[in-house]
């Protein structure tokens, strides 16, 4: 089955550019100035080739010196402008996948949750600086009440603040309680 591609105008560039729900951007046929005599010629529309930003996101040039992220163009056209404080997020955490079904407006915190879930942000023992492992956490939790935070920290070679963060759930929350 062939997917139907739906196109809408790029907000702010109506009549010049359109964006699709499959994450493509195209220019439209239009008349542009030609030569010194003030004549016009037809410039044929075409699918724009996006460039890749250092973050991995794709962007396209919309006129001279004006570029835009493709995922933001898709979301703005199909879902409306971003609510205050929201970012355009890729549910699969792949910044080149700009298909509408993969995009949403959401908070920076939700972006971090996506990154952890999709394995793009290491947590726990996968971080380079971790002194603890996932196996240590249930044991540490079982020590609460019998040991002081400082004593648990000394036992595992970490600071008391680390133990307090484990207790409060601010760190190592990905390790389920037994």
Protein backbone atom coordinates (compact mmCIF):
# COMPACT_ATOMS: atom_id res chain seq x y z
CA UNK A 1 0.00 0.00 0.00
CA UNK A 2 1.38 3.40 -0.97
CA UNK A 3 1.17 6.10 1.67
CA UNK A 4 -0.68 9.25 0.67
CA UNK A 5 1.42 12.34 1.25
CA UNK A 6 -0.51 15.36 2.50
CA UNK A 7 0.87 18.86 1.90
CA UNK A 8 0.14 22.12 3.74
CA UNK A 9 1.61 25.62 3.33
CA UNK A 10 4.70 26.46 5.39
CA UNK A 11 3.45 28.96 7.96
CA UNK A 12 4.88 32.38 7.14
CA UNK A 13 5.81 31.32 3.60
CA UNK A 14 2.39 30.59 2.14
CA UNK A 15 2.42 30.52 -1.66
CA UNK A 16 6.15 29.81 -1.77
CA UNK A 17 6.72 26.59 0.21
CA UNK A 18 4.78 23.55 1.42
CA UNK A 19 5.58 20.84 3.95
CA UNK A 20 4.28 17.27 3.99
CA UNK A 21 3.22 14.91 6.76
CA UNK A 22 6.07 12.65 5.58
CA UNK A 23 8.60 15.34 6.51
CA UNK A 24 9.43 16.72 3.08
CA UNK A 25 9.52 20.40 2.09
CA UNK A 26 9.01 21.74 -1.42
CA UNK A 27 9.07 25.08 -3.15
CA UNK A 28 6.15 25.96 -5.39
CA UNK A 29 6.15 27.18 -8.98
CA UNK A 30 6.37 30.97 -8.96
CA UNK A 31 7.30 33.94 -11.06
CA UNK A 32 10.61 35.59 -10.14
CA UNK A 33 12.41 38.69 -11.48
CA UNK A 34 14.65 38.00 -14.44
CA UNK A 35 17.32 40.22 -15.91
CA UNK A 36 17.62 43.99 -15.68
CA UNK A 37 14.57 44.79 -17.75
CA UNK A 38 12.13 43.95 -14.99
CA UNK A 39 10.90 40.81 -16.71
CA UNK A 40 9.64 37.74 -14.93
CA UNK A 41 10.33 34.07 -15.47
CA UNK A 42 8.82 30.91 -14.07
CA UNK A 43 10.83 29.16 -11.38
CA UNK A 44 9.68 25.54 -11.14
CA UNK A 45 9.02 24.18 -7.69
CA UNK A 46 11.06 21.30 -6.35
CA UNK A 47 11.59 19.14 -3.29
CA UNK A 48 14.17 20.86 -1.09
CA UNK A 49 17.24 18.94 0.00
CA UNK A 50 17.70 19.44 3.75
CA UNK A 51 21.01 20.02 5.43
CA UNK A 52 21.99 18.38 8.70
CA UNK A 53 22.72 20.52 11.75
CA UNK A 54 25.35 19.47 14.35
CA UNK A 55 22.46 18.24 16.54
CA UNK A 56 21.44 15.87 13.72
CA UNK A 57 18.21 17.77 12.98
CA UNK A 58 17.39 18.50 9.35
CA UNK A 59 16.85 22.06 8.17
CA UNK A 60 15.97 23.70 4.87
CA UNK A 61 16.71 27.13 3.41
CA UNK A 62 13.57 29.19 2.89
CA UNK A 63 14.83 32.14 0.90
CA UNK A 64 18.01 34.08 1.49
CA UNK A 65 19.50 33.60 4.96
CA UNK A 66 16.33 32.05 6.35
CA UNK A 67 16.51 28.42 7.42
CA UNK A 68 14.10 26.35 9.48
CA UNK A 69 14.12 22.96 11.17
CA UNK A 70 11.99 20.49 9.22
CA UNK A 71 10.35 18.97 12.30
CA UNK A 72 9.20 22.43 13.45
CA UNK A 73 7.78 23.17 9.99
CA UNK A 74 5.84 19.89 10.00
CA UNK A 75 4.47 20.39 13.51
CA UNK A 76 3.53 24.03 12.96
CA UNK A 77 1.70 23.28 9.71
CA UNK A 78 -0.17 20.20 10.93
CA UNK A 79 -0.55 20.78 14.70
CA UNK A 80 -0.35 24.57 15.06
CA UNK A 81 2.23 26.71 16.84
CA UNK A 82 4.17 25.36 19.81
CA UNK A 83 2.60 25.99 23.21
CA UNK A 84 4.71 28.21 25.47
CA UNK A 85 7.79 26.35 26.71
CA UNK A 86 7.27 23.33 24.45
CA UNK A 87 9.76 21.86 21.98
CA UNK A 88 9.24 19.81 18.83
CA UNK A 89 10.12 16.24 19.84
CA UNK A 90 10.84 13.07 17.87
CA UNK A 91 9.22 10.14 19.69
CA UNK A 92 11.87 7.72 18.41
CA UNK A 93 14.63 10.22 19.29
CA UNK A 94 15.86 10.13 15.67
CA UNK A 95 16.30 13.78 14.58
CA UNK A 96 16.10 12.82 10.90
CA UNK A 97 12.69 11.10 11.19
CA UNK A 98 10.33 14.00 10.51
CA UNK A 99 7.19 12.00 9.74
CA UNK A 100 4.22 13.67 11.48
CA UNK A 101 3.27 10.50 13.38
CA UNK A 102 6.74 10.59 15.03
CA UNK A 103 6.53 14.25 16.09
CA UNK A 104 4.84 16.10 18.94
CA UNK A 105 5.02 19.31 20.92
CA UNK A 106 6.17 18.50 24.44
CA UNK A 107 8.33 19.71 27.31
CA UNK A 108 12.12 19.60 27.62
CA UNK A 109 11.62 17.09 30.47
CA UNK A 110 9.70 14.78 28.15
CA UNK A 111 12.60 15.08 25.69
CA UNK A 112 14.97 13.80 28.38
CA UNK A 113 12.62 10.90 29.18
CA UNK A 114 12.56 9.99 25.46
CA UNK A 115 16.37 10.10 25.31
CA UNK A 116 16.69 7.75 28.29
CA UNK A 117 13.98 5.38 26.98
CA UNK A 118 15.53 5.27 23.51
CA UNK A 119 19.07 4.75 24.82
CA UNK A 120 20.49 8.06 23.64
CA UNK A 121 21.19 9.26 27.18
CA UNK A 122 23.06 6.79 29.35
CA UNK A 123 21.79 6.19 32.87
CA UNK A 124 23.07 4.24 35.82
CA UNK A 125 26.19 2.17 35.29
CA UNK A 126 26.27 3.12 31.57
CA UNK A 127 27.48 6.62 32.47
CA UNK A 128 31.24 7.03 32.42
CA UNK A 129 31.49 8.30 35.99
CA UNK A 130 29.29 5.80 37.84
CA UNK A 131 30.80 4.02 40.84
CA UNK A 132 27.62 2.02 41.41
CA UNK A 133 25.88 -0.67 39.40
CA UNK A 134 22.22 -1.56 39.01
CA UNK A 135 22.87 -4.59 41.26
CA UNK A 136 24.07 -2.31 44.09
CA UNK A 137 20.87 -0.27 44.26
CA UNK A 138 18.47 -2.87 45.77
CA UNK A 139 21.11 -3.70 48.38
CA UNK A 140 21.58 -0.02 49.22
CA UNK A 141 17.81 0.44 49.48
CA UNK A 142 17.60 -2.51 51.87
CA UNK A 143 20.13 -0.77 54.14
CA UNK A 144 17.94 2.31 54.71
CA UNK A 145 16.80 2.47 58.33
CA UNK A 146 19.59 0.24 59.62
CA UNK A 147 22.56 2.28 58.34
CA UNK A 148 23.15 6.02 58.18
CA UNK A 149 23.43 7.64 54.75
CA UNK A 150 27.07 8.46 55.47
CA UNK A 151 27.87 4.84 56.42
CA UNK A 152 26.20 3.48 53.27
CA UNK A 153 28.15 6.02 51.21
CA UNK A 154 31.45 4.96 52.79
CA UNK A 155 30.62 1.30 52.17
CA UNK A 156 30.12 1.96 48.44
CA UNK A 157 32.68 4.72 47.95
CA UNK A 158 30.16 7.46 47.19
CA UNK A 159 29.03 10.58 48.97
CA UNK A 160 26.15 10.88 51.38
CA UNK A 161 24.38 13.10 48.85
CA UNK A 162 24.37 10.24 46.33
CA UNK A 163 22.72 7.95 48.88
CA UNK A 164 20.11 10.61 49.68
CA UNK A 165 19.33 10.95 45.94
CA UNK A 166 18.85 7.18 45.67
CA UNK A 167 16.51 7.28 48.70
CA UNK A 168 14.45 10.19 47.26
CA UNK A 169 14.26 8.59 43.79
CA UNK A 170 16.10 11.47 42.12
CA UNK A 171 18.80 9.08 40.91
CA UNK A 172 18.75 5.40 39.97
CA UNK A 173 14.96 5.60 39.59
CA UNK A 174 15.22 3.29 36.58
CA UNK A 175 16.11 0.43 38.95
CA UNK A 176 12.87 -1.02 40.26
CA UNK A 177 12.45 -1.79 43.93
CA UNK A 178 12.49 -5.47 44.75
